[in-house]
């Protein structure tokens, strides 16, 4: 059975403990059988009937206490590899998710509990690590204008969105500004035809289109090999580079290179570094930290949700299908109720 507990709108943004305390009071009342929120109402939720792009119809009961898949991609190219997704398979991933009732959200939407989806739909968070040209590539036209390469991840995404209503520009790009092999804000030094002068423009365009920007260090340093000072420099300089491209942008998430924590784990969340040239001190304090391996994350309304340890599903082979199948069969899938002041739970 599923049930909904209607909460005041503030519950959507209140601390987790407060949300669950209020939910308990509303649902159970006090020892005298009265409730602390007379206006609150409990009722059985009806299953949402959803028609997919393929025409298939399925019923999904709202369950906003369910789990959310956070997907991890690296290279998007000509073939499958341990860290690469063939571009045709990447588009099939988008089709699969769309047909099964998933829509993309940014990580900040999860953190702020602002998952604004219609009833019966489910959120999915895409993350793209390393800022390779395969993720976002330009083609220079004869007149000098730049066009997004339709075979890059961003190009495939934008083309898909044109024919799939409700598929917004929501994905998290965890970027490197100064790594090797063109992993420097999506390409430099004519690697894959990408000019260094285009790097900031790409970062700016991603932010302008609605995608989320994420720090991934300066050049993908394996943080457990370095001192506290170097760890903070790597993270802070990655953040400083993003700010140079998009001044004032609030970066709220950080992806651990290789999923490996620094020896001083606290420095992955917060720290500071002073530029010896300018004397400027760059401070960081993230709200979310992405790991590498794992399973779909608990709902942000769940006390089990830990934004400082966000596990991700590495999309390779049939891992995406297996993940979605498990969420459906286990009943653990997050399904929206379509109401801003309601947290629909499962019992």
C-alpha atoms as a PDB file:
ATOM      1  CA  UNK A   1       0.000   0.000   0.000  1.00  0.00           C
ATOM      2  CA  UNK A   2       1.115   3.539  -0.688  1.00  0.00           C
ATOM      3  CA  UNK A   3       0.147   6.606   1.238  1.00  0.00           C
ATOM      4  CA  UNK A   4       0.670  10.301   0.969  1.00  0.00           C
ATOM      5  CA  UNK A   5       1.321  12.638   3.820  1.00  0.00           C
ATOM      6  CA  UNK A   6       0.497  16.214   2.952  1.00  0.00           C
ATOM      7  CA  UNK A   7       2.932  18.621   4.538  1.00  0.00           C
ATOM      8  CA  UNK A   8       3.222  22.390   4.679  1.00  0.00           C
ATOM      9  CA  UNK A   9       5.257  23.701   1.767  1.00  0.00           C
ATOM     10  CA  UNK A  10       8.164  24.494   4.095  1.00  0.00           C
ATOM     11  CA  UNK A  11       8.686  20.775   4.652  1.00  0.00           C
ATOM     12  CA  UNK A  12      10.154  20.492   1.180  1.00  0.00           C
ATOM     13  CA  UNK A  13      13.076  22.670   2.189  1.00  0.00           C
ATOM     14  CA  UNK A  14      13.297  21.982   5.914  1.00  0.00           C
ATOM     15  CA  UNK A  15      16.158  19.934   7.381  1.00  0.00           C
ATOM     16  CA  UNK A  16      15.702  16.184   7.010  1.00  0.00           C
ATOM     17  CA  UNK A  17      15.180  15.590  10.708  1.00  0.00           C
ATOM     18  CA  UNK A  18      12.455  18.231  10.793  1.00  0.00           C
ATOM     19  CA  UNK A  19      10.706  16.703   7.787  1.00  0.00           C
ATOM     20  CA  UNK A  20      10.535  13.290   9.391  1.00  0.00           C
ATOM     21  CA  UNK A  21       9.517  14.641  12.769  1.00  0.00           C
ATOM     22  CA  UNK A  22       6.648  16.512  11.128  1.00  0.00           C
ATOM     23  CA  UNK A  23       5.677  13.503   9.017  1.00  0.00           C
ATOM     24  CA  UNK A  24       5.533  11.325  12.128  1.00  0.00           C
ATOM     25  CA  UNK A  25       3.353  13.801  13.986  1.00  0.00           C
ATOM     26  CA  UNK A  26       0.977  14.215  11.054  1.00  0.00           C
ATOM     27  CA  UNK A  27       0.673  10.501  10.354  1.00  0.00           C
ATOM     28  CA  UNK A  28       0.509   9.188  13.903  1.00  0.00           C
ATOM     29  CA  UNK A  29      -0.811  12.045  16.034  1.00  0.00           C
ATOM     30  CA  UNK A  30      -0.029  12.374  19.726  1.00  0.00           C
ATOM     31  CA  UNK A  31      -0.880   9.944  22.538  1.00  0.00           C
ATOM     32  CA  UNK A  32      -4.404  11.399  22.849  1.00  0.00           C
ATOM     33  CA  UNK A  33      -5.224  10.578  19.217  1.00  0.00           C
ATOM     34  CA  UNK A  34      -5.124  14.168  17.948  1.00  0.00           C
ATOM     35  CA  UNK A  35      -2.761  15.619  15.370  1.00  0.00           C
ATOM     36  CA  UNK A  36      -0.438  18.595  15.672  1.00  0.00           C
ATOM     37  CA  UNK A  37      -1.370  19.739  12.149  1.00  0.00           C
ATOM     38  CA  UNK A  38      -5.191  19.841  11.845  1.00  0.00           C
ATOM     39  CA  UNK A  39      -4.967  20.952   8.212  1.00  0.00           C
ATOM     40  CA  UNK A  40      -2.828  17.979   7.223  1.00  0.00           C
ATOM     41  CA  UNK A  41      -4.539  15.091   5.483  1.00  0.00           C
ATOM     42  CA  UNK A  42      -3.568  11.481   4.937  1.00  0.00           C
ATOM     43  CA  UNK A  43      -5.011   9.483   2.082  1.00  0.00           C
ATOM     44  CA  UNK A  44      -4.252   6.520  -0.117  1.00  0.00           C
ATOM     45  CA  UNK A  45      -2.342   7.457  -3.265  1.00  0.00           C
ATOM     46  CA  UNK A  46      -3.659   6.326  -6.614  1.00  0.00           C
ATOM     47  CA  UNK A  47      -1.273   4.816  -9.129  1.00  0.00           C
ATOM     48  CA  UNK A  48      -0.347   7.187 -11.939  1.00  0.00           C
ATOM     49  CA  UNK A  49      -1.022   6.021 -15.475  1.00  0.00           C
ATOM     50  CA  UNK A  50       1.856   7.057 -17.710  1.00  0.00           C
ATOM     51  CA  UNK A  51       2.111   6.764 -21.472  1.00  0.00           C
ATOM     52  CA  UNK A  52       5.657   6.462 -22.736  1.00  0.00           C
ATOM     53  CA  UNK A  53       7.096   7.688 -26.019  1.00  0.00           C
ATOM     54  CA  UNK A  54       6.724   4.174 -27.414  1.00  0.00           C
ATOM     55  CA  UNK A  55       3.033   4.139 -26.581  1.00  0.00           C
ATOM     56  CA  UNK A  56       3.334   1.658 -23.714  1.00  0.00           C
ATOM     57  CA  UNK A  57       1.187   2.401 -20.697  1.00  0.00           C
ATOM     58  CA  UNK A  58       2.162   1.512 -17.161  1.00  0.00           C
ATOM     59  CA  UNK A  59       0.968   2.291 -13.653  1.00  0.00           C
ATOM     60  CA  UNK A  60       3.386   3.614 -11.065  1.00  0.00           C
ATOM     61  CA  UNK A  61       2.258   4.524  -7.587  1.00  0.00           C
ATOM     62  CA  UNK A  62       3.975   7.628  -6.172  1.00  0.00           C
ATOM     63  CA  UNK A  63       6.911   6.841  -3.900  1.00  0.00           C
ATOM     64  CA  UNK A  64       9.063   9.834  -3.055  1.00  0.00           C
ATOM     65  CA  UNK A  65      10.926   7.829  -0.435  1.00  0.00           C
ATOM     66  CA  UNK A  66      12.407   5.686  -3.209  1.00  0.00           C
ATOM     67  CA  UNK A  67      15.898   5.637  -4.683  1.00  0.00           C
ATOM     68  CA  UNK A  68      17.327   7.809  -7.463  1.00  0.00           C
ATOM     69  CA  UNK A  69      19.901   6.561 -10.005  1.00  0.00           C
ATOM     70  CA  UNK A  70      22.951   8.805 -10.392  1.00  0.00           C
ATOM     71  CA  UNK A  71      24.649   7.793 -13.643  1.00  0.00           C
ATOM     72  CA  UNK A  72      28.328   8.218 -14.486  1.00  0.00           C
ATOM     73  CA  UNK A  73      29.743   8.720 -17.988  1.00  0.00           C
ATOM     74  CA  UNK A  74      33.233   9.556 -19.200  1.00  0.00           C
ATOM     75  CA  UNK A  75      34.066   9.179 -22.899  1.00  0.00           C
ATOM     76  CA  UNK A  76      31.338   9.179 -25.565  1.00  0.00           C
ATOM     77  CA  UNK A  77      32.796   7.853 -28.798  1.00  0.00           C
ATOM     78  CA  UNK A  78      33.145   5.212 -31.488  1.00  0.00           C
ATOM     79  CA  UNK A  79      33.335   2.156 -29.238  1.00  0.00           C
ATOM     80  CA  UNK A  80      32.551   0.701 -25.844  1.00  0.00           C
ATOM     81  CA  UNK A  81      35.365   0.552 -23.292  1.00  0.00           C
ATOM     82  CA  UNK A  82      35.792   0.378 -19.537  1.00  0.00           C
ATOM     83  CA  UNK A  83      35.425   4.171 -19.350  1.00  0.00           C
ATOM     84  CA  UNK A  84      33.682   4.828 -22.652  1.00  0.00           C
ATOM     85  CA  UNK A  85      30.161   4.601 -24.057  1.00  0.00           C
ATOM     86  CA  UNK A  86      29.612   4.153 -27.782  1.00  0.00           C
ATOM     87  CA  UNK A  87      27.587   7.151 -28.956  1.00  0.00           C
ATOM     88  CA  UNK A  88      24.787   5.020 -30.424  1.00  0.00           C
ATOM     89  CA  UNK A  89      24.439   3.239 -27.093  1.00  0.00           C
ATOM     90  CA  UNK A  90      24.436   6.584 -25.306  1.00  0.00           C
ATOM     91  CA  UNK A  91      21.431   7.685 -27.336  1.00  0.00           C
ATOM     92  CA  UNK A  92      19.776   4.332 -26.603  1.00  0.00           C
ATOM     93  CA  UNK A  93      20.339   5.047 -22.901  1.00  0.00           C
ATOM     94  CA  UNK A  94      18.400   8.294 -23.274  1.00  0.00           C
ATOM     95  CA  UNK A  95      15.610   6.501 -25.152  1.00  0.00           C
ATOM     96  CA  UNK A  96      15.418   3.757 -22.531  1.00  0.00           C
ATOM     97  CA  UNK A  97      15.186   6.198 -19.652  1.00  0.00           C
ATOM     98  CA  UNK A  98      12.589   8.327 -21.398  1.00  0.00           C
ATOM     99  CA  UNK A  99      10.371   5.375 -22.278  1.00  0.00           C
ATOM    100  CA  UNK A 100      10.562   4.040 -18.736  1.00  0.00           C
ATOM    101  CA  UNK A 101       9.407   7.330 -17.266  1.00  0.00           C
ATOM    102  CA  UNK A 102      12.658   8.950 -16.145  1.00  0.00           C
ATOM    103  CA  UNK A 103      13.489  12.623 -16.597  1.00  0.00           C
ATOM    104  CA  UNK A 104      16.833  14.326 -15.857  1.00  0.00           C
ATOM    105  CA  UNK A 105      17.372  16.576 -12.851  1.00  0.00           C
ATOM    106  CA  UNK A 106      20.461  18.373 -11.613  1.00  0.00           C
ATOM    107  CA  UNK A 107      22.121  17.351  -8.367  1.00  0.00           C
ATOM    108  CA  UNK A 108      21.196  20.717  -6.866  1.00  0.00           C
ATOM    109  CA  UNK A 109      17.526  19.816  -7.444  1.00  0.00           C
ATOM    110  CA  UNK A 110      18.025  16.718  -5.299  1.00  0.00           C
ATOM    111  CA  UNK A 111      19.963  18.613  -2.628  1.00  0.00           C
ATOM    112  CA  UNK A 112      17.301  21.323  -2.404  1.00  0.00           C
ATOM    113  CA  UNK A 113      14.406  18.847  -2.662  1.00  0.00           C
ATOM    114  CA  UNK A 114      13.066  20.603  -5.738  1.00  0.00           C
ATOM    115  CA  UNK A 115      12.394  17.589  -7.935  1.00  0.00           C
ATOM    116  CA  UNK A 116       9.666  19.157 -10.045  1.00  0.00           C
ATOM    117  CA  UNK A 117       8.250  16.277 -12.073  1.00  0.00           C
ATOM    118  CA  UNK A 118       4.754  15.292 -13.139  1.00  0.00           C
ATOM    119  CA  UNK A 119       2.993  12.494 -11.287  1.00  0.00           C
ATOM    120  CA  UNK A 120       4.315   9.067 -12.213  1.00  0.00           C
ATOM    121  CA  UNK A 121       7.708  10.256 -13.479  1.00  0.00           C
ATOM    122  CA  UNK A 122      11.063   9.519 -11.835  1.00  0.00           C
ATOM    123  CA  UNK A 123      14.270  11.571 -11.540  1.00  0.00           C
ATOM    124  CA  UNK A 124      17.660  10.523 -12.871  1.00  0.00           C
ATOM    125  CA  UNK A 125      20.931  12.419 -12.376  1.00  0.00           C
ATOM    126  CA  UNK A 126      23.495  12.292 -15.195  1.00  0.00           C
ATOM    127  CA  UNK A 127      27.137  13.041 -14.397  1.00  0.00           C
ATOM    128  CA  UNK A 128      29.908  13.464 -16.964  1.00  0.00           C
ATOM    129  CA  UNK A 129      33.472  13.312 -15.632  1.00  0.00           C
ATOM    130  CA  UNK A 130      36.774  14.710 -16.945  1.00  0.00           C
ATOM    131  CA  UNK A 131      35.585  17.317 -19.520  1.00  0.00           C
ATOM    132  CA  UNK A 132      36.834  15.471 -22.607  1.00  0.00           C
ATOM    133  CA  UNK A 133      36.165  16.752 -26.158  1.00  0.00           C
ATOM    134  CA  UNK A 134      33.917  13.723 -26.676  1.00  0.00           C
ATOM    135  CA  UNK A 135      31.446  15.257 -24.240  1.00  0.00           C
ATOM    136  CA  UNK A 136      31.300  18.731 -25.798  1.00  0.00           C
ATOM    137  CA  UNK A 137      32.877  19.471 -29.147  1.00  0.00           C
ATOM    138  CA  UNK A 138      32.592  22.414 -31.543  1.00  0.00           C
ATOM    139  CA  UNK A 139      32.789  22.425 -35.335  1.00  0.00           C
ATOM    140  CA  UNK A 140      33.984  25.678 -36.852  1.00  0.00           C
ATOM    141  CA  UNK A 141      31.850  26.753 -39.794  1.00  0.00           C
ATOM    142  CA  UNK A 142      33.253  28.430 -42.957  1.00  0.00           C
ATOM    143  CA  UNK A 143      32.013  31.798 -41.671  1.00  0.00           C
ATOM    144  CA  UNK A 144      33.863  31.303 -38.373  1.00  0.00           C
ATOM    145  CA  UNK A 145      30.764  30.545 -36.311  1.00  0.00           C
ATOM    146  CA  UNK A 146      30.852  27.597 -33.933  1.00  0.00           C
ATOM    147  CA  UNK A 147      28.319  24.765 -34.039  1.00  0.00           C
ATOM    148  CA  UNK A 148      27.977  22.017 -31.441  1.00  0.00           C
ATOM    149  CA  UNK A 149      29.141  18.711 -32.896  1.00  0.00           C
ATOM    150  CA  UNK A 150      26.065  16.482 -33.121  1.00  0.00           C
ATOM    151  CA  UNK A 151      28.210  13.410 -32.356  1.00  0.00           C
ATOM    152  CA  UNK A 152      29.415  14.740 -28.984  1.00  0.00           C
ATOM    153  CA  UNK A 153      27.440  13.991 -25.816  1.00  0.00           C
ATOM    154  CA  UNK A 154      25.989  17.507 -25.646  1.00  0.00           C
ATOM    155  CA  UNK A 155      25.072  17.402 -29.334  1.00  0.00           C
ATOM    156  CA  UNK A 156      23.314  14.045 -28.946  1.00  0.00           C
ATOM    157  CA  UNK A 157      21.525  15.320 -25.832  1.00  0.00           C
ATOM    158  CA  UNK A 158      20.227  18.493 -27.498  1.00  0.00           C
ATOM    159  CA  UNK A 159      19.064  16.602 -30.585  1.00  0.00           C
ATOM    160  CA  UNK A 160      17.256  14.054 -28.405  1.00  0.00           C
ATOM    161  CA  UNK A 161      15.506  16.814 -26.455  1.00  0.00           C
ATOM    162  CA  UNK A 162      14.022  18.271 -29.650  1.00  0.00           C
ATOM    163  CA  UNK A 163      11.823  15.215 -30.177  1.00  0.00           C
ATOM    164  CA  UNK A 164      11.217  14.250 -26.535  1.00  0.00           C
ATOM    165  CA  UNK A 165       9.066  16.746 -24.603  1.00  0.00           C
ATOM    166  CA  UNK A 166      10.082  17.277 -21.005  1.00  0.00           C
ATOM    167  CA  UNK A 167      13.687  16.181 -21.517  1.00  0.00           C
ATOM    168  CA  UNK A 168      15.429  19.277 -20.186  1.00  0.00           C
ATOM    169  CA  UNK A 169      19.028  20.416 -20.041  1.00  0.00           C
ATOM    170  CA  UNK A 170      19.787  18.864 -16.679  1.00  0.00           C
ATOM    171  CA  UNK A 171      23.090  17.054 -16.173  1.00  0.00           C
ATOM    172  CA  UNK A 172      26.202  17.558 -14.050  1.00  0.00           C
ATOM    173  CA  UNK A 173      29.566  18.155 -15.722  1.00  0.00           C
ATOM    174  CA  UNK A 174      32.456  17.414 -13.341  1.00  0.00           C
ATOM    175  CA  UNK A 175      35.267  19.209 -15.088  1.00  0.00           C
ATOM    176  CA  UNK A 176      39.042  19.241 -15.299  1.00  0.00           C
ATOM    177  CA  UNK A 177      40.570  22.517 -16.535  1.00  0.00           C
ATOM    178  CA  UNK A 178      44.171  21.375 -17.047  1.00  0.00           C
ATOM    179  CA  UNK A 179      44.527  17.621 -17.554  1.00  0.00           C
ATOM    180  CA  UNK A 180      46.243  15.792 -20.414  1.00  0.00           C
ATOM    181  CA  UNK A 181      44.815  14.453 -23.698  1.00  0.00           C
ATOM    182  CA  UNK A 182      42.431  17.361 -24.160  1.00  0.00           C
ATOM    183  CA  UNK A 183      40.712  16.880 -20.812  1.00  0.00           C
ATOM    184  CA  UNK A 184      40.835  20.595 -20.199  1.00  0.00           C
ATOM    185  CA  UNK A 185      37.389  22.180 -20.345  1.00  0.00           C
ATOM    186  CA  UNK A 186      36.484  19.939 -23.306  1.00  0.00           C
ATOM    187  CA  UNK A 187      39.554  20.278 -25.495  1.00  0.00           C
ATOM    188  CA  UNK A 188      42.622  22.333 -26.297  1.00  0.00           C
ATOM    189  CA  UNK A 189      45.685  22.544 -28.565  1.00  0.00           C
ATOM    190  CA  UNK A 190      43.697  21.245 -31.569  1.00  0.00           C
ATOM    191  CA  UNK A 191      43.134  17.850 -29.942  1.00  0.00           C
ATOM    192  CA  UNK A 192      40.100  16.444 -31.777  1.00  0.00           C
ATOM    193  CA  UNK A 193      40.005  19.757 -33.634  1.00  0.00           C
ATOM    194  CA  UNK A 194      39.342  21.781 -30.492  1.00  0.00           C
ATOM    195  CA  UNK A 195      41.013  25.151 -29.968  1.00  0.00           C
ATOM    196  CA  UNK A 196      42.200  26.310 -26.557  1.00  0.00           C
ATOM    197  CA  UNK A 197      40.369  29.609 -27.070  1.00  0.00           C
ATOM    198  CA  UNK A 198      37.031  27.773 -27.035  1.00  0.00           C
ATOM    199  CA  UNK A 199      37.349  26.310 -23.540  1.00  0.00           C
ATOM    200  CA  UNK A 200      35.723  29.076 -21.490  1.00  0.00           C
ATOM    201  CA  UNK A 201      32.977  29.518 -24.080  1.00  0.00           C
ATOM    202  CA  UNK A 202      31.961  25.872 -23.640  1.00  0.00           C
ATOM    203  CA  UNK A 203      31.776  26.163 -19.857  1.00  0.00           C
ATOM    204  CA  UNK A 204      29.760  29.362 -20.185  1.00  0.00           C
ATOM    205  CA  UNK A 205      27.389  27.770 -22.687  1.00  0.00           C
ATOM    206  CA  UNK A 206      26.769  24.749 -20.461  1.00  0.00           C
ATOM    207  CA  UNK A 207      25.830  27.005 -17.549  1.00  0.00           C
ATOM    208  CA  UNK A 208      23.636  29.200 -19.763  1.00  0.00           C
ATOM    209  CA  UNK A 209      21.749  26.157 -21.082  1.00  0.00           C
ATOM    210  CA  UNK A 210      20.903  24.976 -17.557  1.00  0.00           C
ATOM    211  CA  UNK A 211      23.451  22.225 -16.992  1.00  0.00           C
ATOM    212  CA  UNK A 212      25.241  22.041 -13.627  1.00  0.00           C
ATOM    213  CA  UNK A 213      28.983  22.646 -13.216  1.00  0.00           C
ATOM    214  CA  UNK A 214      31.003  20.490 -10.826  1.00  0.00           C
ATOM    215  CA  UNK A 215      34.633  20.502  -9.616  1.00  0.00           C
ATOM    216  CA  UNK A 216      36.863  17.481 -10.333  1.00  0.00           C
ATOM    217  CA  UNK A 217      40.297  18.941  -9.336  1.00  0.00           C
ATOM    218  CA  UNK A 218      42.837  20.674 -11.560  1.00  0.00           C
ATOM    219  CA  UNK A 219      44.285  17.680 -13.432  1.00  0.00           C
ATOM    220  CA  UNK A 220      42.741  14.535 -11.906  1.00  0.00           C
ATOM    221  CA  UNK A 221      45.251  14.018  -9.111  1.00  0.00           C
ATOM    222  CA  UNK A 222      44.835  10.813  -7.096  1.00  0.00           C
ATOM    223  CA  UNK A 223      44.299  12.656  -3.848  1.00  0.00           C
ATOM    224  CA  UNK A 224      45.457   9.982  -1.391  1.00  0.00           C
ATOM    225  CA  UNK A 225      48.991  10.312  -2.782  1.00  0.00           C
ATOM    226  CA  UNK A 226      49.390  13.955  -1.827  1.00  0.00           C
ATOM    227  CA  UNK A 227      49.774  16.208   1.188  1.00  0.00           C
ATOM    228  CA  UNK A 228      46.908  18.216   2.622  1.00  0.00           C
ATOM    229  CA  UNK A 229      48.343  21.327   0.981  1.00  0.00           C
ATOM    230  CA  UNK A 230      48.402  19.776  -2.499  1.00  0.00           C
ATOM    231  CA  UNK A 231      44.902  18.320  -2.070  1.00  0.00           C
ATOM    232  CA  UNK A 232      43.503  21.752  -1.272  1.00  0.00           C
ATOM    233  CA  UNK A 233      45.414  23.337  -4.143  1.00  0.00           C
ATOM    234  CA  UNK A 234      44.072  20.779  -6.635  1.00  0.00           C
ATOM    235  CA  UNK A 235      40.466  21.286  -5.558  1.00  0.00           C
ATOM    236  CA  UNK A 236      40.659  25.058  -5.132  1.00  0.00           C
ATOM    237  CA  UNK A 237      42.359  25.641  -8.489  1.00  0.00           C
ATOM    238  CA  UNK A 238      39.685  23.565 -10.219  1.00  0.00           C
ATOM    239  CA  UNK A 239      37.096  25.793  -8.587  1.00  0.00           C
ATOM    240  CA  UNK A 240      39.041  28.935  -9.474  1.00  0.00           C
ATOM    241  CA  UNK A 241      39.135  27.904 -13.143  1.00  0.00           C
ATOM    242  CA  UNK A 242      35.354  27.486 -13.230  1.00  0.00           C
ATOM    243  CA  UNK A 243      34.953  30.914 -11.656  1.00  0.00           C
ATOM    244  CA  UNK A 244      37.280  32.385 -14.275  1.00  0.00           C
ATOM    245  CA  UNK A 245      34.954  31.077 -16.990  1.00  0.00           C
ATOM    246  CA  UNK A 246      31.661  31.855 -15.218  1.00  0.00           C
ATOM    247  CA  UNK A 247      32.328  34.498 -12.542  1.00  0.00           C
ATOM    248  CA  UNK A 248      30.223  34.066  -9.428  1.00  0.00           C
ATOM    249  CA  UNK A 249      28.933  30.604 -10.329  1.00  0.00           C
ATOM    250  CA  UNK A 250      28.194  28.619  -7.155  1.00  0.00           C
ATOM    251  CA  UNK A 251      29.772  25.174  -7.500  1.00  0.00           C
ATOM    252  CA  UNK A 252      28.063  22.887  -4.999  1.00  0.00           C
ATOM    253  CA  UNK A 253      29.448  19.467  -5.907  1.00  0.00           C
ATOM    254  CA  UNK A 254      32.819  17.754  -6.199  1.00  0.00           C
ATOM    255  CA  UNK A 255      33.705  14.444  -7.872  1.00  0.00           C
ATOM    256  CA  UNK A 256      36.556  12.427  -6.365  1.00  0.00           C
ATOM    257  CA  UNK A 257      39.143  11.490  -9.030  1.00  0.00           C
ATOM    258  CA  UNK A 258      39.022   7.686  -9.381  1.00  0.00           C
ATOM    259  CA  UNK A 259      36.612   7.724  -6.444  1.00  0.00           C
ATOM    260  CA  UNK A 260      39.571   7.892  -4.051  1.00  0.00           C
ATOM    261  CA  UNK A 261      39.409  10.038  -0.929  1.00  0.00           C
ATOM    262  CA  UNK A 262      42.336  12.116   0.330  1.00  0.00           C
ATOM    263  CA  UNK A 263      44.052  10.883   3.488  1.00  0.00           C
ATOM    264  CA  UNK A 264      42.324  13.717   5.325  1.00  0.00           C
ATOM    265  CA  UNK A 265      38.769  13.017   4.126  1.00  0.00           C
ATOM    266  CA  UNK A 266      37.419  16.295   5.481  1.00  0.00           C
ATOM    267  CA  UNK A 267      39.405  18.185   2.825  1.00  0.00           C
ATOM    268  CA  UNK A 268      37.210  16.735   0.076  1.00  0.00           C
ATOM    269  CA  UNK A 269      34.340  18.805   1.433  1.00  0.00           C
ATOM    270  CA  UNK A 270      36.010  22.012   2.555  1.00  0.00           C
ATOM    271  CA  UNK A 271      39.373  23.708   2.551  1.00  0.00           C
ATOM    272  CA  UNK A 272      41.306  26.649   1.148  1.00  0.00           C
ATOM    273  CA  UNK A 273      44.344  27.542  -0.911  1.00  0.00           C
ATOM    274  CA  UNK A 274      46.176  30.842  -1.306  1.00  0.00           C
ATOM    275  CA  UNK A 275      47.525  31.728  -4.730  1.00  0.00           C
ATOM    276  CA  UNK A 276      51.196  32.653  -4.191  1.00  0.00           C
ATOM    277  CA  UNK A 277      51.137  35.013  -7.179  1.00  0.00           C
ATOM    278  CA  UNK A 278      48.069  37.091  -6.364  1.00  0.00           C
ATOM    279  CA  UNK A 279      47.792  36.421  -2.641  1.00  0.00           C
ATOM    280  CA  UNK A 280      44.105  35.604  -3.162  1.00  0.00           C
ATOM    281  CA  UNK A 281      42.675  32.843  -0.973  1.00  0.00           C
ATOM    282  CA  UNK A 282      40.191  30.483  -2.605  1.00  0.00           C
ATOM    283  CA  UNK A 283      37.870  28.668  -0.202  1.00  0.00           C
ATOM    284  CA  UNK A 284      35.547  25.780  -0.990  1.00  0.00           C
ATOM    285  CA  UNK A 285      32.754  24.039   0.900  1.00  0.00           C
ATOM    286  CA  UNK A 286      30.744  21.533  -1.140  1.00  0.00           C
ATOM    287  CA  UNK A 287      27.237  20.270  -0.485  1.00  0.00           C
ATOM    288  CA  UNK A 288      27.702  17.010  -2.407  1.00  0.00           C
ATOM    289  CA  UNK A 289      30.599  14.649  -3.113  1.00  0.00           C
ATOM    290  CA  UNK A 290      30.379  12.106  -5.934  1.00  0.00           C
ATOM    291  CA  UNK A 291      32.017   8.719  -5.527  1.00  0.00           C
ATOM    292  CA  UNK A 292      32.533   6.226  -8.368  1.00  0.00           C
ATOM    293  CA  UNK A 293      30.958   2.861  -7.641  1.00  0.00           C
ATOM    294  CA  UNK A 294      27.651   2.140  -6.028  1.00  0.00           C
ATOM    295  CA  UNK A 295      23.898   1.885  -6.265  1.00  0.00           C
ATOM    296  CA  UNK A 296      21.046   4.400  -6.661  1.00  0.00           C
ATOM    297  CA  UNK A 297      20.967   6.883  -3.790  1.00  0.00           C
ATOM    298  CA  UNK A 298      18.215   7.184  -1.171  1.00  0.00           C
ATOM    299  CA  UNK A 299      15.583   9.880  -1.498  1.00  0.00           C
ATOM    300  CA  UNK A 300      16.636  13.291  -0.148  1.00  0.00           C
ATOM    301  CA  UNK A 301      13.721  12.885   2.290  1.00  0.00           C
ATOM    302  CA  UNK A 302      15.257   9.727   3.736  1.00  0.00           C
ATOM    303  CA  UNK A 303      17.505   9.839   6.819  1.00  0.00           C
ATOM    304  CA  UNK A 304      19.778   7.447   4.881  1.00  0.00           C
ATOM    305  CA  UNK A 305      20.526  10.113   2.252  1.00  0.00           C
ATOM    306  CA  UNK A 306      24.143  11.248   2.562  1.00  0.00           C
ATOM    307  CA  UNK A 307      25.024  13.981   0.052  1.00  0.00           C
ATOM    308  CA  UNK A 308      28.687  13.772   1.055  1.00  0.00           C
ATOM    309  CA  UNK A 309      28.853  10.212  -0.284  1.00  0.00           C
ATOM    310  CA  UNK A 310      26.830  10.099  -3.497  1.00  0.00           C
ATOM    311  CA  UNK A 311      27.287   6.706  -5.105  1.00  0.00           C
ATOM    312  CA  UNK A 312      27.003   6.432  -8.874  1.00  0.00           C
ATOM    313  CA  UNK A 313      26.123   3.782 -11.423  1.00  0.00           C
ATOM    314  CA  UNK A 314      28.863   3.399 -14.020  1.00  0.00           C
ATOM    315  CA  UNK A 315      27.022   3.011 -17.330  1.00  0.00           C
ATOM    316  CA  UNK A 316      28.669   0.210 -19.267  1.00  0.00           C
ATOM    317  CA  UNK A 317      27.320  -2.912 -20.941  1.00  0.00           C
ATOM    318  CA  UNK A 318      23.821  -3.603 -19.611  1.00  0.00           C
ATOM    319  CA  UNK A 319      24.369  -1.946 -16.217  1.00  0.00           C
ATOM    320  CA  UNK A 320      21.686   0.673 -16.863  1.00  0.00           C
ATOM    321  CA  UNK A 321      19.006  -1.878 -17.777  1.00  0.00           C
ATOM    322  CA  UNK A 322      19.921  -3.991 -14.750  1.00  0.00           C
ATOM    323  CA  UNK A 323      19.701  -0.973 -12.449  1.00  0.00           C
ATOM    324  CA  UNK A 324      16.297   0.138 -13.733  1.00  0.00           C
ATOM    325  CA  UNK A 325      14.931  -3.410 -13.607  1.00  0.00           C
ATOM    326  CA  UNK A 326      16.040  -3.783  -9.998  1.00  0.00           C
ATOM    327  CA  UNK A 327      14.420  -0.504  -8.960  1.00  0.00           C
ATOM    328  CA  UNK A 328      11.115  -1.577 -10.510  1.00  0.00           C
ATOM    329  CA  UNK A 329      11.122  -5.151  -9.206  1.00  0.00           C
ATOM    330  CA  UNK A 330      12.176  -4.181  -5.687  1.00  0.00           C
ATOM    331  CA  UNK A 331       9.701  -1.313  -5.416  1.00  0.00           C
ATOM    332  CA  UNK A 332      12.572   1.001  -4.461  1.00  0.00           C
ATOM    333  CA  UNK A 333      12.116   3.417  -7.358  1.00  0.00           C
ATOM    334  CA  UNK A 334      11.495   7.095  -6.596  1.00  0.00           C
ATOM    335  CA  UNK A 335       8.231   8.114  -8.284  1.00  0.00           C
ATOM    336  CA  UNK A 336       6.919  11.670  -8.132  1.00  0.00           C
ATOM    337  CA  UNK A 337       3.419  12.501  -6.929  1.00  0.00           C
ATOM    338  CA  UNK A 338       3.425  15.759  -8.897  1.00  0.00           C
ATOM    339  CA  UNK A 339       2.638  17.870  -5.824  1.00  0.00           C
ATOM    340  CA  UNK A 340       5.033  20.404  -4.342  1.00  0.00           C
ATOM    341  CA  UNK A 341       3.723  20.130  -0.767  1.00  0.00           C
ATOM    342  CA  UNK A 342       3.389  16.355  -0.559  1.00  0.00           C
ATOM    343  CA  UNK A 343       5.928  13.646   0.210  1.00  0.00           C
ATOM    344  CA  UNK A 344       4.428  10.398  -1.075  1.00  0.00           C
ATOM    345  CA  UNK A 345       5.798   7.421   0.838  1.00  0.00           C
ATOM    346  CA  UNK A 346       5.510   3.663   0.524  1.00  0.00           C
ATOM    347  CA  UNK A 347       4.606   1.250   3.295  1.00  0.00           C
END
